[in-house]
Structures are given as C-alpha cells and as structure tokens.
Amino acid sequence: MDRISALRNVEEALSEFEAGEIDLVTMEVRVRAILRSYATEFEEQQTYEASGPPAVDGLVVVAESVQDARKQIQELISDDTKRFDVERVD
C-alpha cells in the first residue's frame, strides 16, 4: 500500500465515522490495520511490540529484527528502562 492509498483509506474510515456509519472502535481498528499495512510494506521489516514496565509496555515499532526493535524502543523512551520483552506481532 502506498502512502496515498493509506491516506485515502484513513480518510474513508474518518468519513464513515463522521456520517455515523461506523462506531469509534470500528474506525480505530480499521485505521490501525491501514497504518500497520502501510508500515510493514517496507522491505524486510516486521512489526514488534514491547511489554514490561509502563514506559515501554505496548509500544509498537517496525524493524528488521528483534535487536533493532529493542534499540528503537530504547531510543523512544525517556528513562533508563533496560528490562523489557519484545515480540513480533503478526
């Protein structure tokens, strides 16, 4: 999915929500799916989610490996949290 297609699909979900055709949860699910599809279209990239202390719990990144994902997550947080798990999200 290219950038323009992703933006059009998000716009469609927003329009349907504004028109009362879908609820907030449905819109959130659709937009999340669109963004993940767009992000994982990059070659050799996967989606990874962190779990552990509040500073990292639930963070999702797109990376080439678990090690790269850990590095990205560490760079995103503002504290010195070193102990957290990273798992691939399918």
Protein backbone atom coordinates (compact mmCIF):
# COMPACT_ATOMS: atom_id res chain seq x y z
CA MET A 1 0.00 0.00 0.00
CA ASP A 2 1.47 3.33 -0.98
CA ARG A 3 1.20 6.50 1.06
CA ILE A 4 -1.65 7.99 -0.99
CA SER A 5 -3.72 4.80 -0.72
CA ALA A 6 -3.16 4.68 3.02
CA LEU A 7 -4.28 8.31 3.40
CA ARG A 8 -7.37 7.70 1.26
CA ASN A 9 -8.30 4.64 3.31
CA VAL A 10 -7.90 6.55 6.58
CA GLU A 11 -9.99 9.40 5.14
CA GLU A 12 -12.70 6.92 4.17
CA ALA A 13 -12.78 5.49 7.70
CA LEU A 14 -12.98 9.01 9.18
CA SER A 15 -15.80 9.96 6.80
CA GLU A 16 -17.78 6.83 7.67
CA PHE A 17 -17.34 7.59 11.37
CA GLU A 18 -18.46 11.21 10.93
CA ALA A 19 -21.52 10.03 8.97
CA GLY A 20 -22.46 7.62 11.76
CA GLU A 21 -21.91 4.58 9.55
CA ILE A 22 -19.31 3.04 11.88
CA ASP A 23 -18.54 3.40 15.56
CA LEU A 24 -15.32 4.64 17.17
CA VAL A 25 -13.94 1.17 17.89
CA THR A 26 -14.50 0.04 14.29
CA MET A 27 -12.80 3.18 13.00
CA GLU A 28 -9.83 2.65 15.33
CA VAL A 29 -9.45 -0.97 14.22
CA ARG A 30 -9.58 0.00 10.55
CA VAL A 31 -7.11 2.87 10.90
CA ARG A 32 -4.70 0.70 12.90
CA ALA A 33 -4.88 -2.01 10.23
CA ILE A 34 -4.25 0.56 7.49
CA LEU A 35 -1.23 2.03 9.29
CA ARG A 36 0.27 -1.38 10.04
CA SER A 37 -0.22 -2.49 6.45
CA TYR A 38 1.48 0.67 5.24
CA ALA A 39 4.36 0.42 7.72
CA THR A 40 5.11 -3.24 7.04
CA GLU A 41 5.21 -2.79 3.28
CA PHE A 42 8.80 -1.68 3.65
CA GLU A 43 11.20 -4.40 2.59
CA GLU A 44 12.49 -6.76 5.29
CA GLN A 45 10.54 -5.04 8.08
CA GLN A 46 8.28 -6.58 10.71
CA THR A 47 6.10 -5.20 13.49
CA TYR A 48 7.31 -5.69 17.09
CA GLU A 49 5.60 -4.88 20.39
CA ALA A 50 7.25 -4.26 23.74
CA SER A 51 5.94 -5.46 27.07
CA GLY A 52 7.17 -4.73 30.56
CA PRO A 53 7.39 -1.57 32.66
CA PRO A 54 4.88 1.22 31.92
CA ALA A 55 7.45 3.24 29.96
CA VAL A 56 7.64 0.58 27.25
CA ASP A 57 4.51 -1.55 27.64
CA GLY A 58 2.51 -1.58 24.43
CA LEU A 59 4.99 0.34 22.26
CA VAL A 60 4.96 -0.95 18.69
CA VAL A 61 7.78 -0.38 16.20
CA VAL A 62 8.65 -1.57 12.71
CA ALA A 63 12.14 -3.04 12.43
CA GLU A 64 14.26 -5.60 10.63
CA SER A 65 14.95 -7.71 13.73
CA VAL A 66 14.20 -8.06 17.43
CA GLN A 67 17.53 -6.40 18.20
CA ASP A 68 16.69 -3.41 16.00
CA ALA A 69 13.25 -3.21 17.60
CA ARG A 70 14.79 -3.16 21.09
CA LYS A 71 17.13 -0.37 20.02
CA GLN A 72 14.27 1.71 18.56
CA ILE A 73 12.16 1.24 21.67
CA GLN A 74 15.06 2.23 23.93
CA GLU A 75 15.53 5.40 21.86
CA LEU A 76 11.80 6.25 22.12
CA ILE A 77 11.60 6.20 25.90
CA SER A 78 12.90 8.94 28.14
CA ASP A 79 14.14 6.81 31.04
CA ASP A 80 16.80 4.16 31.51
CA THR A 81 14.49 1.13 31.31
CA LYS A 82 16.59 -1.78 30.13
CA ARG A 83 14.44 -4.76 31.10
CA PHE A 84 11.56 -5.37 28.72
CA ASP A 85 10.42 -8.01 26.25
CA VAL A 86 9.93 -7.61 22.52
CA GLU A 87 7.78 -9.93 20.44
CA ARG A 88 6.88 -9.97 16.77
CA VAL A 89 3.28 -9.01 16.03
CA ASP A 90 1.64 -10.84 13.14
